[in-house]
C-alpha atoms as a PDB file:
ATOM      1  CA  UNK A   1     142.281  54.134 135.277  1.00  0.00           C
ATOM      2  CA  UNK A   2     144.120  53.106 132.053  1.00  0.00           C
ATOM      3  CA  UNK A   3     144.143  49.302 132.613  1.00  0.00           C
ATOM      4  CA  UNK A   4     140.222  49.472 133.003  1.00  0.00           C
ATOM      5  CA  UNK A   5     139.796  51.460 129.519  1.00  0.00           C
ATOM      6  CA  UNK A   6     142.268  48.731 128.135  1.00  0.00           C
ATOM      7  CA  UNK A   7     140.557  45.619 129.635  1.00  0.00           C
ATOM      8  CA  UNK A   8     137.588  46.861 127.469  1.00  0.00           C
ATOM      9  CA  UNK A   9     139.108  46.561 124.063  1.00  0.00           C
ATOM     10  CA  UNK A  10     138.841  43.102 122.672  1.00  0.00           C
ATOM     11  CA  UNK A  11     141.862  43.769 120.428  1.00  0.00           C
ATOM     12  CA  UNK A  12     144.221  44.909 123.215  1.00  0.00           C
ATOM     13  CA  UNK A  13     146.506  42.020 124.022  1.00  0.00           C
ATOM     14  CA  UNK A  14     144.058  38.737 123.868  1.00  0.00           C
ATOM     15  CA  UNK A  15     143.731  36.359 121.395  1.00  0.00           C
ATOM     16  CA  UNK A  16     140.452  36.819 119.222  1.00  0.00           C
ATOM     17  CA  UNK A  17     139.888  36.681 115.326  1.00  0.00           C
ATOM     18  CA  UNK A  18     141.575  40.521 113.822  1.00  0.00           C
ATOM     19  CA  UNK A  19     139.259  43.144 112.936  1.00  0.00           C
ATOM     20  CA  UNK A  20     138.380  43.605 109.838  1.00  0.00           C
ATOM     21  CA  UNK A  21     139.182  47.115 108.149  1.00  0.00           C
ATOM     22  CA  UNK A  22     137.773  48.962 105.368  1.00  0.00           C
ATOM     23  CA  UNK A  23     137.849  52.581 103.942  1.00  0.00           C
ATOM     24  CA  UNK A  24     134.726  51.588 101.352  1.00  0.00           C
ATOM     25  CA  UNK A  25     131.771  53.177 103.071  1.00  0.00           C
ATOM     26  CA  UNK A  26     129.175  50.476 101.048  1.00  0.00           C
ATOM     27  CA  UNK A  27     131.288  47.975 102.796  1.00  0.00           C
ATOM     28  CA  UNK A  28     131.235  49.790 106.469  1.00  0.00           C
ATOM     29  CA  UNK A  29     127.235  50.279 105.831  1.00  0.00           C
ATOM     30  CA  UNK A  30     126.657  46.513 104.880  1.00  0.00           C
ATOM     31  CA  UNK A  31     128.480  45.590 108.149  1.00  0.00           C
ATOM     32  CA  UNK A  32     126.768  48.095 110.443  1.00  0.00           C
ATOM     33  CA  UNK A  33     123.726  47.698 109.262  1.00  0.00           C
ATOM     34  CA  UNK A  34     123.989  44.145 110.061  1.00  0.00           C
ATOM     35  CA  UNK A  35     125.363  44.235 113.930  1.00  0.00           C
ATOM     36  CA  UNK A  36     123.706  47.688 114.856  1.00  0.00           C
ATOM     37  CA  UNK A  37     120.767  48.602 112.727  1.00  0.00           C
ATOM     38  CA  UNK A  38     120.494  50.861 109.425  1.00  0.00           C
ATOM     39  CA  UNK A  39     120.954  54.579 109.988  1.00  0.00           C
ATOM     40  CA  UNK A  40     122.714  57.622 108.166  1.00  0.00           C
ATOM     41  CA  UNK A  41     126.231  58.638 108.828  1.00  0.00           C
ATOM     42  CA  UNK A  42     127.816  61.666 107.412  1.00  0.00           C
ATOM     43  CA  UNK A  43     131.404  62.802 107.353  1.00  0.00           C
ATOM     44  CA  UNK A  44     131.574  65.774 109.623  1.00  0.00           C
ATOM     45  CA  UNK A  45     135.387  67.335 108.962  1.00  0.00           C
ATOM     46  CA  UNK A  46     137.514  67.720 106.319  1.00  0.00           C
ATOM     47  CA  UNK A  47     138.233  63.886 106.473  1.00  0.00           C
ATOM     48  CA  UNK A  48     135.914  62.189 104.045  1.00  0.00           C
ATOM     49  CA  UNK A  49     137.486  58.607 103.759  1.00  0.00           C
ATOM     50  CA  UNK A  50     137.017  56.342 106.881  1.00  0.00           C
ATOM     51  CA  UNK A  51     139.444  54.251 108.059  1.00  0.00           C
ATOM     52  CA  UNK A  52     137.311  51.828 109.931  1.00  0.00           C
ATOM     53  CA  UNK A  53     138.142  49.002 112.256  1.00  0.00           C
ATOM     54  CA  UNK A  54     135.145  46.237 112.805  1.00  0.00           C
ATOM     55  CA  UNK A  55     135.198  43.335 115.171  1.00  0.00           C
ATOM     56  CA  UNK A  56     131.911  41.697 116.364  1.00  0.00           C
ATOM     57  CA  UNK A  57     130.942  38.671 118.412  1.00  0.00           C
ATOM     58  CA  UNK A  58     127.748  37.449 120.134  1.00  0.00           C
ATOM     59  CA  UNK A  59     126.700  36.861 123.551  1.00  0.00           C
ATOM     60  CA  UNK A  60     123.747  34.498 123.144  1.00  0.00           C
ATOM     61  CA  UNK A  61     121.115  37.306 121.378  1.00  0.00           C
ATOM     62  CA  UNK A  62     123.372  40.285 122.115  1.00  0.00           C
ATOM     63  CA  UNK A  63     125.930  41.460 119.696  1.00  0.00           C
ATOM     64  CA  UNK A  64     129.274  43.298 120.812  1.00  0.00           C
ATOM     65  CA  UNK A  65     131.187  45.258 118.526  1.00  0.00           C
ATOM     66  CA  UNK A  66     134.279  46.878 119.013  1.00  0.00           C
ATOM     67  CA  UNK A  67     134.303  49.590 115.968  1.00  0.00           C
ATOM     68  CA  UNK A  68     135.661  52.999 114.819  1.00  0.00           C
ATOM     69  CA  UNK A  69     135.062  55.092 111.613  1.00  0.00           C
ATOM     70  CA  UNK A  70     138.831  56.486 112.024  1.00  0.00           C
ATOM     71  CA  UNK A  71     137.423  59.882 110.662  1.00  0.00           C
ATOM     72  CA  UNK A  72     134.887  62.679 112.431  1.00  0.00           C
ATOM     73  CA  UNK A  73     131.257  61.339 111.771  1.00  0.00           C
ATOM     74  CA  UNK A  74     127.853  62.318 112.761  1.00  0.00           C
ATOM     75  CA  UNK A  75     125.146  59.622 112.816  1.00  0.00           C
ATOM     76  CA  UNK A  76     121.593  59.876 112.624  1.00  0.00           C
ATOM     77  CA  UNK A  77     117.851  58.853 111.356  1.00  0.00           C
ATOM     78  CA  UNK A  78     118.336  55.899 112.990  1.00  0.00           C
ATOM     79  CA  UNK A  79     116.040  52.754 112.454  1.00  0.00           C
ATOM     80  CA  UNK A  80     113.361  52.263 114.924  1.00  0.00           C
ATOM     81  CA  UNK A  81     112.003  49.159 112.890  1.00  0.00           C
ATOM     82  CA  UNK A  82     114.713  46.932 114.028  1.00  0.00           C
ATOM     83  CA  UNK A  83     113.895  47.156 117.628  1.00  0.00           C
ATOM     84  CA  UNK A  84     117.367  47.462 118.980  1.00  0.00           C
ATOM     85  CA  UNK A  85     118.701  49.012 122.072  1.00  0.00           C
ATOM     86  CA  UNK A  86     122.451  50.562 121.819  1.00  0.00           C
ATOM     87  CA  UNK A  87     124.690  50.546 124.770  1.00  0.00           C
ATOM     88  CA  UNK A  88     127.950  52.693 123.641  1.00  0.00           C
ATOM     89  CA  UNK A  89     130.945  52.756 125.420  1.00  0.00           C
ATOM     90  CA  UNK A  90     134.022  54.729 124.670  1.00  0.00           C
ATOM     91  CA  UNK A  91     137.234  52.956 124.946  1.00  0.00           C
ATOM     92  CA  UNK A  92     138.992  55.970 123.311  1.00  0.00           C
ATOM     93  CA  UNK A  93     138.566  59.509 122.079  1.00  0.00           C
ATOM     94  CA  UNK A  94     134.867  61.005 122.381  1.00  0.00           C
ATOM     95  CA  UNK A  95     131.372  60.786 121.604  1.00  0.00           C
ATOM     96  CA  UNK A  96     128.779  63.352 122.026  1.00  0.00           C
ATOM     97  CA  UNK A  97     125.389  62.280 122.529  1.00  0.00           C
ATOM     98  CA  UNK A  98     122.288  64.790 121.975  1.00  0.00           C
ATOM     99  CA  UNK A  99     119.587  64.711 124.754  1.00  0.00           C
ATOM    100  CA  UNK A 100     116.857  67.201 124.577  1.00  0.00           C
ATOM    101  CA  UNK A 101     118.904  70.505 123.629  1.00  0.00           C
ATOM    102  CA  UNK A 102     121.863  69.368 125.188  1.00  0.00           C
ATOM    103  CA  UNK A 103     124.628  67.247 124.160  1.00  0.00           C
ATOM    104  CA  UNK A 104     126.573  64.697 126.830  1.00  0.00           C
ATOM    105  CA  UNK A 105     129.944  64.160 125.976  1.00  0.00           C
ATOM    106  CA  UNK A 106     130.919  60.336 127.078  1.00  0.00           C
ATOM    107  CA  UNK A 107     134.553  59.913 127.068  1.00  0.00           C
ATOM    108  CA  UNK A 108     136.878  56.901 127.469  1.00  0.00           C
ATOM    109  CA  UNK A 109     135.492  54.523 129.879  1.00  0.00           C
ATOM    110  CA  UNK A 110     131.983  55.970 129.872  1.00  0.00           C
ATOM    111  CA  UNK A 111     128.959  54.490 128.507  1.00  0.00           C
ATOM    112  CA  UNK A 112     125.731  55.838 127.119  1.00  0.00           C
ATOM    113  CA  UNK A 113     122.380  53.646 126.697  1.00  0.00           C
ATOM    114  CA  UNK A 114     119.646  54.720 124.120  1.00  0.00           C
ATOM    115  CA  UNK A 115     116.712  52.576 122.946  1.00  0.00           C
ATOM    116  CA  UNK A 116     116.573  53.200 119.404  1.00  0.00           C
ATOM    117  CA  UNK A 117     113.576  51.452 118.779  1.00  0.00           C
ATOM    118  CA  UNK A 118     111.616  53.920 121.174  1.00  0.00           C
ATOM    119  CA  UNK A 119     113.257  57.492 120.536  1.00  0.00           C
ATOM    120  CA  UNK A 120     115.449  59.323 118.078  1.00  0.00           C
ATOM    121  CA  UNK A 121     119.052  59.603 118.587  1.00  0.00           C
ATOM    122  CA  UNK A 122     121.977  61.835 117.529  1.00  0.00           C
ATOM    123  CA  UNK A 123     125.929  61.454 118.046  1.00  0.00           C
ATOM    124  CA  UNK A 124     129.094  63.026 116.903  1.00  0.00           C
ATOM    125  CA  UNK A 125     132.058  60.756 117.050  1.00  0.00           C
ATOM    126  CA  UNK A 126     135.465  62.166 116.652  1.00  0.00           C
ATOM    127  CA  UNK A 127     138.374  61.061 114.658  1.00  0.00           C
ATOM    128  CA  UNK A 128     139.992  59.031 117.320  1.00  0.00           C
ATOM    129  CA  UNK A 129     136.652  57.704 118.758  1.00  0.00           C
ATOM    130  CA  UNK A 130     136.783  53.601 119.121  1.00  0.00           C
ATOM    131  CA  UNK A 131     133.923  52.288 120.732  1.00  0.00           C
ATOM    132  CA  UNK A 132     132.931  49.101 122.375  1.00  0.00           C
ATOM    133  CA  UNK A 133     129.093  48.489 122.034  1.00  0.00           C
ATOM    134  CA  UNK A 134     126.193  46.211 122.677  1.00  0.00           C
ATOM    135  CA  UNK A 135     123.425  45.679 120.407  1.00  0.00           C
ATOM    136  CA  UNK A 136     120.498  44.533 122.791  1.00  0.00           C
ATOM    137  CA  UNK A 137     116.908  43.630 121.059  1.00  0.00           C
ATOM    138  CA  UNK A 138     114.333  45.554 122.923  1.00  0.00           C
ATOM    139  CA  UNK A 139     112.449  42.174 123.581  1.00  0.00           C
ATOM    140  CA  UNK A 140     115.274  41.086 124.900  1.00  0.00           C
ATOM    141  CA  UNK A 141     115.152  43.752 128.079  1.00  0.00           C
ATOM    142  CA  UNK A 142     111.405  43.693 128.385  1.00  0.00           C
ATOM    143  CA  UNK A 143     111.090  39.814 128.275  1.00  0.00           C
ATOM    144  CA  UNK A 144     113.905  40.126 131.231  1.00  0.00           C
ATOM    145  CA  UNK A 145     111.554  42.510 133.159  1.00  0.00           C
ATOM    146  CA  UNK A 146     108.475  40.637 132.777  1.00  0.00           C
ATOM    147  CA  UNK A 147     110.528  37.693 134.295  1.00  0.00           C
ATOM    148  CA  UNK A 148     111.847  38.982 136.771  1.00  0.00           C
ATOM    149  CA  UNK A 149     109.831  42.111 138.289  1.00  0.00           C
ATOM    150  CA  UNK A 150     106.365  40.635 136.904  1.00  0.00           C
ATOM    151  CA  UNK A 151     105.841  43.759 134.210  1.00  0.00           C
ATOM    152  CA  UNK A 152     106.975  45.503 131.263  1.00  0.00           C
ATOM    153  CA  UNK A 153     108.325  48.975 131.864  1.00  0.00           C
ATOM    154  CA  UNK A 154     106.488  51.595 129.760  1.00  0.00           C
ATOM    155  CA  UNK A 155     108.130  54.231 128.086  1.00  0.00           C
ATOM    156  CA  UNK A 156     109.158  56.321 130.989  1.00  0.00           C
ATOM    157  CA  UNK A 157     112.104  53.641 130.851  1.00  0.00           C
ATOM    158  CA  UNK A 158     112.259  53.166 127.432  1.00  0.00           C
ATOM    159  CA  UNK A 159     112.546  56.862 126.204  1.00  0.00           C
ATOM    160  CA  UNK A 160     115.018  57.652 128.890  1.00  0.00           C
ATOM    161  CA  UNK A 161     118.728  57.878 127.414  1.00  0.00           C
ATOM    162  CA  UNK A 162     121.289  58.117 129.838  1.00  0.00           C
ATOM    163  CA  UNK A 163     124.872  57.826 130.637  1.00  0.00           C
ATOM    164  CA  UNK A 164     125.083  54.542 132.812  1.00  0.00           C
ATOM    165  CA  UNK A 165     127.681  53.108 135.521  1.00  0.00           C
ATOM    166  CA  UNK A 166     129.914  55.626 137.442  1.00  0.00           C
ATOM    167  CA  UNK A 167     133.387  56.139 136.184  1.00  0.00           C
ATOM    168  CA  UNK A 168     135.940  54.216 134.538  1.00  0.00           C
ATOM    169  CA  UNK A 169     136.343  52.005 138.029  1.00  0.00           C
ATOM    170  CA  UNK A 170     132.466  51.282 137.568  1.00  0.00           C
ATOM    171  CA  UNK A 171     130.736  47.690 138.006  1.00  0.00           C
ATOM    172  CA  UNK A 172     129.539  48.170 134.578  1.00  0.00           C
ATOM    173  CA  UNK A 173     132.927  48.509 133.242  1.00  0.00           C
ATOM    174  CA  UNK A 174     133.892  45.160 135.244  1.00  0.00           C
ATOM    175  CA  UNK A 175     130.999  43.572 133.949  1.00  0.00           C
ATOM    176  CA  UNK A 176     132.226  44.366 130.042  1.00  0.00           C
ATOM    177  CA  UNK A 177     135.919  43.673 131.056  1.00  0.00           C
ATOM    178  CA  UNK A 178     134.652  40.196 132.009  1.00  0.00           C
ATOM    179  CA  UNK A 179     132.726  39.661 129.196  1.00  0.00           C
ATOM    180  CA  UNK A 180     135.351  40.530 126.479  1.00  0.00           C
ATOM    181  CA  UNK A 181     137.788  38.145 128.444  1.00  0.00           C
ATOM    182  CA  UNK A 182     135.004  35.453 128.265  1.00  0.00           C
ATOM    183  CA  UNK A 183     134.609  36.270 124.356  1.00  0.00           C
ATOM    184  CA  UNK A 184     138.557  35.821 123.941  1.00  0.00           C
ATOM    185  CA  UNK A 185     139.037  32.653 125.779  1.00  0.00           C
ATOM    186  CA  UNK A 186     136.072  30.787 124.350  1.00  0.00           C
ATOM    187  CA  UNK A 187     134.041  32.479 121.430  1.00  0.00           C
ATOM    188  CA  UNK A 188     131.490  29.780 120.521  1.00  0.00           C
ATOM    189  CA  UNK A 189     130.459  28.565 123.985  1.00  0.00           C
ATOM    190  CA  UNK A 190     129.422  32.547 124.561  1.00  0.00           C
ATOM    191  CA  UNK A 191     127.641  32.999 121.459  1.00  0.00           C
ATOM    192  CA  UNK A 192     125.888  29.550 121.625  1.00  0.00           C
ATOM    193  CA  UNK A 193     126.308  27.818 124.961  1.00  0.00           C
ATOM    194  CA  UNK A 194     125.224  28.016 128.386  1.00  0.00           C
ATOM    195  CA  UNK A 195     127.890  30.501 129.640  1.00  0.00           C
ATOM    196  CA  UNK A 196     126.663  32.991 126.971  1.00  0.00           C
ATOM    197  CA  UNK A 197     122.965  32.995 128.463  1.00  0.00           C
ATOM    198  CA  UNK A 198     124.611  33.407 131.764  1.00  0.00           C
ATOM    199  CA  UNK A 199     126.342  36.112 130.850  1.00  0.00           C
ATOM    200  CA  UNK A 200     123.582  37.513 128.610  1.00  0.00           C
ATOM    201  CA  UNK A 201     121.110  37.557 131.738  1.00  0.00           C
ATOM    202  CA  UNK A 202     124.159  39.248 133.767  1.00  0.00           C
ATOM    203  CA  UNK A 203     124.272  41.892 131.450  1.00  0.00           C
ATOM    204  CA  UNK A 204     120.514  42.548 131.062  1.00  0.00           C
ATOM    205  CA  UNK A 205     119.976  42.555 135.080  1.00  0.00           C
ATOM    206  CA  UNK A 206     122.663  45.323 135.566  1.00  0.00           C
ATOM    207  CA  UNK A 207     121.264  47.208 132.503  1.00  0.00           C
ATOM    208  CA  UNK A 208     117.776  47.112 134.105  1.00  0.00           C
ATOM    209  CA  UNK A 209     118.741  48.244 137.287  1.00  0.00           C
ATOM    210  CA  UNK A 210     121.435  50.759 136.056  1.00  0.00           C
ATOM    211  CA  UNK A 211     118.606  52.061 133.496  1.00  0.00           C
ATOM    212  CA  UNK A 212     115.709  52.036 136.099  1.00  0.00           C
ATOM    213  CA  UNK A 213     117.536  53.607 138.454  1.00  0.00           C
ATOM    214  CA  UNK A 214     118.520  56.626 135.865  1.00  0.00           C
ATOM    215  CA  UNK A 215     115.130  56.935 134.648  1.00  0.00           C
ATOM    216  CA  UNK A 216     113.516  57.141 138.495  1.00  0.00           C
ATOM    217  CA  UNK A 217     111.407  53.967 137.460  1.00  0.00           C
ATOM    218  CA  UNK A 218     111.134  51.505 140.617  1.00  0.00           C
ATOM    219  CA  UNK A 219     111.437  47.997 139.162  1.00  0.00           C
ATOM    220  CA  UNK A 220     110.585  46.254 142.566  1.00  0.00           C
ATOM    221  CA  UNK A 221     106.628  46.340 143.488  1.00  0.00           C
ATOM    222  CA  UNK A 222     106.598  49.094 140.574  1.00  0.00           C
ATOM    223  CA  UNK A 223     103.896  47.785 138.641  1.00  0.00           C
ATOM    224  CA  UNK A 224     102.961  49.748 135.713  1.00  0.00           C
ATOM    225  CA  UNK A 225      99.403  50.422 135.002  1.00  0.00           C
ATOM    226  CA  UNK A 226      99.918  50.205 131.206  1.00  0.00           C
ATOM    227  CA  UNK A 227      99.734  46.964 129.862  1.00  0.00           C
ATOM    228  CA  UNK A 228     102.423  45.313 127.740  1.00  0.00           C
ATOM    229  CA  UNK A 229     102.090  45.955 123.842  1.00  0.00           C
ATOM    230  CA  UNK A 230     101.403  42.132 123.282  1.00  0.00           C
ATOM    231  CA  UNK A 231      97.930  42.733 125.156  1.00  0.00           C
ATOM    232  CA  UNK A 232      96.922  44.846 122.387  1.00  0.00           C
ATOM    233  CA  UNK A 233      97.875  42.882 119.797  1.00  0.00           C
ATOM    234  CA  UNK A 234      96.117  40.083 121.434  1.00  0.00           C
ATOM    235  CA  UNK A 235      92.777  41.973 121.434  1.00  0.00           C
ATOM    236  CA  UNK A 236      93.292  43.008 117.881  1.00  0.00           C
ATOM    237  CA  UNK A 237      94.019  39.582 116.814  1.00  0.00           C
ATOM    238  CA  UNK A 238      91.011  38.204 118.471  1.00  0.00           C
ATOM    239  CA  UNK A 239      88.522  40.871 117.280  1.00  0.00           C
ATOM    240  CA  UNK A 240      90.118  40.180 113.532  1.00  0.00           C
ATOM    241  CA  UNK A 241      89.420  35.997 113.976  1.00  0.00           C
ATOM    242  CA  UNK A 242      86.569  35.762 116.675  1.00  0.00           C
ATOM    243  CA  UNK A 243      84.599  33.804 114.428  1.00  0.00           C
ATOM    244  CA  UNK A 244      87.415  31.257 113.935  1.00  0.00           C
ATOM    245  CA  UNK A 245      87.471  30.624 117.912  1.00  0.00           C
ATOM    246  CA  UNK A 246      90.955  30.802 118.174  1.00  0.00           C
ATOM    247  CA  UNK A 247      92.588  29.068 121.572  1.00  0.00           C
ATOM    248  CA  UNK A 248      94.284  31.123 123.961  1.00  0.00           C
ATOM    249  CA  UNK A 249      97.392  29.123 122.970  1.00  0.00           C
ATOM    250  CA  UNK A 250      96.973  30.428 119.649  1.00  0.00           C
ATOM    251  CA  UNK A 251      96.724  33.883 120.346  1.00  0.00           C
ATOM    252  CA  UNK A 252      99.686  33.270 122.772  1.00  0.00           C
ATOM    253  CA  UNK A 253     101.465  32.255 119.445  1.00  0.00           C
ATOM    254  CA  UNK A 254     100.378  34.943 117.011  1.00  0.00           C
ATOM    255  CA  UNK A 255     101.877  37.596 119.498  1.00  0.00           C
ATOM    256  CA  UNK A 256     104.678  35.939 120.453  1.00  0.00           C
ATOM    257  CA  UNK A 257     104.517  35.288 124.455  1.00  0.00           C
ATOM    258  CA  UNK A 258     103.822  32.128 126.192  1.00  0.00           C
ATOM    259  CA  UNK A 259      99.991  31.175 127.322  1.00  0.00           C
ATOM    260  CA  UNK A 260     101.220  31.850 131.151  1.00  0.00           C
ATOM    261  CA  UNK A 261     102.262  35.475 129.964  1.00  0.00           C
ATOM    262  CA  UNK A 262      99.184  36.482 127.938  1.00  0.00           C
ATOM    263  CA  UNK A 263      96.750  35.233 130.601  1.00  0.00           C
ATOM    264  CA  UNK A 264      98.684  36.926 133.210  1.00  0.00           C
ATOM    265  CA  UNK A 265      98.671  39.728 131.462  1.00  0.00           C
ATOM    266  CA  UNK A 266      94.726  40.336 131.014  1.00  0.00           C
ATOM    267  CA  UNK A 267      94.237  39.173 134.339  1.00  0.00           C
ATOM    268  CA  UNK A 268      96.589  41.990 135.893  1.00  0.00           C
ATOM    269  CA  UNK A 269      95.664  44.887 133.144  1.00  0.00           C
ATOM    270  CA  UNK A 270      92.354  44.016 131.942  1.00  0.00           C
ATOM    271  CA  UNK A 271      90.931  41.888 134.992  1.00  0.00           C
ATOM    272  CA  UNK A 272      89.754  39.218 133.112  1.00  0.00           C
ATOM    273  CA  UNK A 273      90.840  36.261 130.606  1.00  0.00           C
ATOM    274  CA  UNK A 274      91.547  35.934 127.171  1.00  0.00           C
ATOM    275  CA  UNK A 275      88.513  33.640 126.826  1.00  0.00           C
ATOM    276  CA  UNK A 276      86.365  35.750 128.181  1.00  0.00           C
ATOM    277  CA  UNK A 277      87.213  38.587 126.319  1.00  0.00           C
ATOM    278  CA  UNK A 278      86.888  36.814 123.176  1.00  0.00           C
ATOM    279  CA  UNK A 279      83.358  35.437 124.515  1.00  0.00           C
ATOM    280  CA  UNK A 280      82.279  39.220 124.783  1.00  0.00           C
ATOM    281  CA  UNK A 281      83.861  40.066 121.152  1.00  0.00           C
ATOM    282  CA  UNK A 282      81.805  36.814 119.983  1.00  0.00           C
ATOM    283  CA  UNK A 283      78.609  38.483 121.738  1.00  0.00           C
ATOM    284  CA  UNK A 284      78.779  41.778 120.937  1.00  0.00           C
ATOM    285  CA  UNK A 285      79.355  40.722 117.149  1.00  0.00           C
ATOM    286  CA  UNK A 286      75.953  38.940 117.472  1.00  0.00           C
ATOM    287  CA  UNK A 287      74.021  41.522 119.056  1.00  0.00           C
ATOM    288  CA  UNK A 288      75.431  44.219 116.578  1.00  0.00           C
ATOM    289  CA  UNK A 289      73.791  41.969 113.643  1.00  0.00           C
ATOM    290  CA  UNK A 290      70.557  41.322 115.333  1.00  0.00           C
ATOM    291  CA  UNK A 291      69.833  44.681 115.760  1.00  0.00           C
ATOM    292  CA  UNK A 292      70.123  45.228 112.126  1.00  0.00           C
ATOM    293  CA  UNK A 293      68.841  41.966 111.057  1.00  0.00           C
ATOM    294  CA  UNK A 294      66.660  41.564 107.718  1.00  0.00           C
ATOM    295  CA  UNK A 295      63.514  39.633 107.762  1.00  0.00           C
ATOM    296  CA  UNK A 296      65.517  36.431 106.197  1.00  0.00           C
ATOM    297  CA  UNK A 297      68.377  36.699 109.239  1.00  0.00           C
ATOM    298  CA  UNK A 298      67.820  34.103 112.132  1.00  0.00           C
ATOM    299  CA  UNK A 299      68.828  33.871 115.504  1.00  0.00           C
ATOM    300  CA  UNK A 300      70.486  30.609 115.033  1.00  0.00           C
ATOM    301  CA  UNK A 301      72.077  31.424 111.590  1.00  0.00           C
ATOM    302  CA  UNK A 302      73.758  34.408 113.093  1.00  0.00           C
ATOM    303  CA  UNK A 303      74.622  32.575 116.457  1.00  0.00           C
ATOM    304  CA  UNK A 304      76.401  29.837 114.319  1.00  0.00           C
ATOM    305  CA  UNK A 305      78.300  32.328 112.251  1.00  0.00           C
ATOM    306  CA  UNK A 306      79.909  33.373 115.430  1.00  0.00           C
ATOM    307  CA  UNK A 307      80.499  29.576 116.897  1.00  0.00           C
ATOM    308  CA  UNK A 308      77.694  28.909 118.643  1.00  0.00           C
ATOM    309  CA  UNK A 309      76.339  25.513 118.224  1.00  0.00           C
ATOM    310  CA  UNK A 310      74.533  25.037 121.424  1.00  0.00           C
ATOM    311  CA  UNK A 311      71.432  27.224 120.948  1.00  0.00           C
ATOM    312  CA  UNK A 312      70.479  26.646 124.924  1.00  0.00           C
ATOM    313  CA  UNK A 313      74.208  27.870 125.940  1.00  0.00           C
ATOM    314  CA  UNK A 314      74.010  30.822 123.450  1.00  0.00           C
ATOM    315  CA  UNK A 315      70.774  31.864 124.701  1.00  0.00           C
ATOM    316  CA  UNK A 316      71.823  31.893 128.180  1.00  0.00           C
ATOM    317  CA  UNK A 317      74.993  33.750 127.261  1.00  0.00           C
ATOM    318  CA  UNK A 318      73.379  36.406 125.380  1.00  0.00           C
ATOM    319  CA  UNK A 319      70.703  36.675 128.291  1.00  0.00           C
ATOM    320  CA  UNK A 320      73.214  37.036 130.783  1.00  0.00           C
ATOM    321  CA  UNK A 321      75.256  40.014 128.846  1.00  0.00           C
ATOM    322  CA  UNK A 322      72.382  41.966 127.305  1.00  0.00           C
ATOM    323  CA  UNK A 323      69.440  41.124 129.789  1.00  0.00           C
ATOM    324  CA  UNK A 324      66.991  39.845 127.028  1.00  0.00           C
ATOM    325  CA  UNK A 325      66.440  36.557 124.749  1.00  0.00           C
ATOM    326  CA  UNK A 326      68.175  37.015 121.379  1.00  0.00           C
ATOM    327  CA  UNK A 327      64.910  36.375 119.958  1.00  0.00           C
ATOM    328  CA  UNK A 328      63.677  39.441 121.422  1.00  0.00           C
ATOM    329  CA  UNK A 329      66.229  41.561 120.091  1.00  0.00           C
ATOM    330  CA  UNK A 330      65.635  39.999 116.533  1.00  0.00           C
ATOM    331  CA  UNK A 331      61.906  40.684 116.800  1.00  0.00           C
ATOM    332  CA  UNK A 332      62.497  44.205 117.557  1.00  0.00           C
ATOM    333  CA  UNK A 333      64.579  44.602 114.767  1.00  0.00           C
ATOM    334  CA  UNK A 334      62.320  43.073 112.223  1.00  0.00           C
ATOM    335  CA  UNK A 335      59.561  45.572 113.848  1.00  0.00           C
ATOM    336  CA  UNK A 336      61.371  48.348 112.528  1.00  0.00           C
END
């Protein structure tokens, strides 16, 4: 048992850069803001001066840290804007995580998972606590789910905070120990090279599997009825820029996904395509302007404002959508 926990400590017996030590709250806060995210921390016992130890390394886009305050503290008011998931493994001491009205105590070799971008969290660490933590961008896990399972889980997964792993001898701890040894052997390649990308994928896969099992979410064949958040942002972007006729590539770039992912999500969740959605927005805007038109307004001027230069194509599209010619809608508006 002791050997497993010992293997989770990057500074136990391997040649890695030494951890920084500090008793300066401002210095510790600057470091933790960078490797985790901004949050509120308060001393909760008689000791007020931290005796912190800080070590960090990168695994691709994941940040691994070994950290302790050295005094009892509480942590809350964690920034959601940073968009990060925390995976907190206790090497030594005890952490108490609040889940609803209860507290979950995580001792040596235990791991707790919380998506701080989706749900609030509160933690108490005791004086002897030493953590091995992973800071994982939410988008990284969501992208992995989309890539492997064809959809992005909804908040049934993201808002479920839980213990993962099955004790000190768990496969998760073995994978963490492997990550620690890999960083010690070649930190630059794990941070920036292909080995780091492969290790990152292994960690994401294991996290997703254990998290989904704990939350009761079926990833295999468990398609969600909730569209990914980027679909809504794409719709908003097209409504705002409809007159500029953005291409699907431009819309995809604006919301940070590939054309393939965007088109696939529209087919799956909207049963249409981005182009058809944009056409619908333009026709609806034209229709709204025609039925509220003044005497100076013409069909061609309204259509041109929304990107139609071929009046034959426009008239056919309008007639197909609203069942009448645009000139008829304009004439009706002028009679009022």
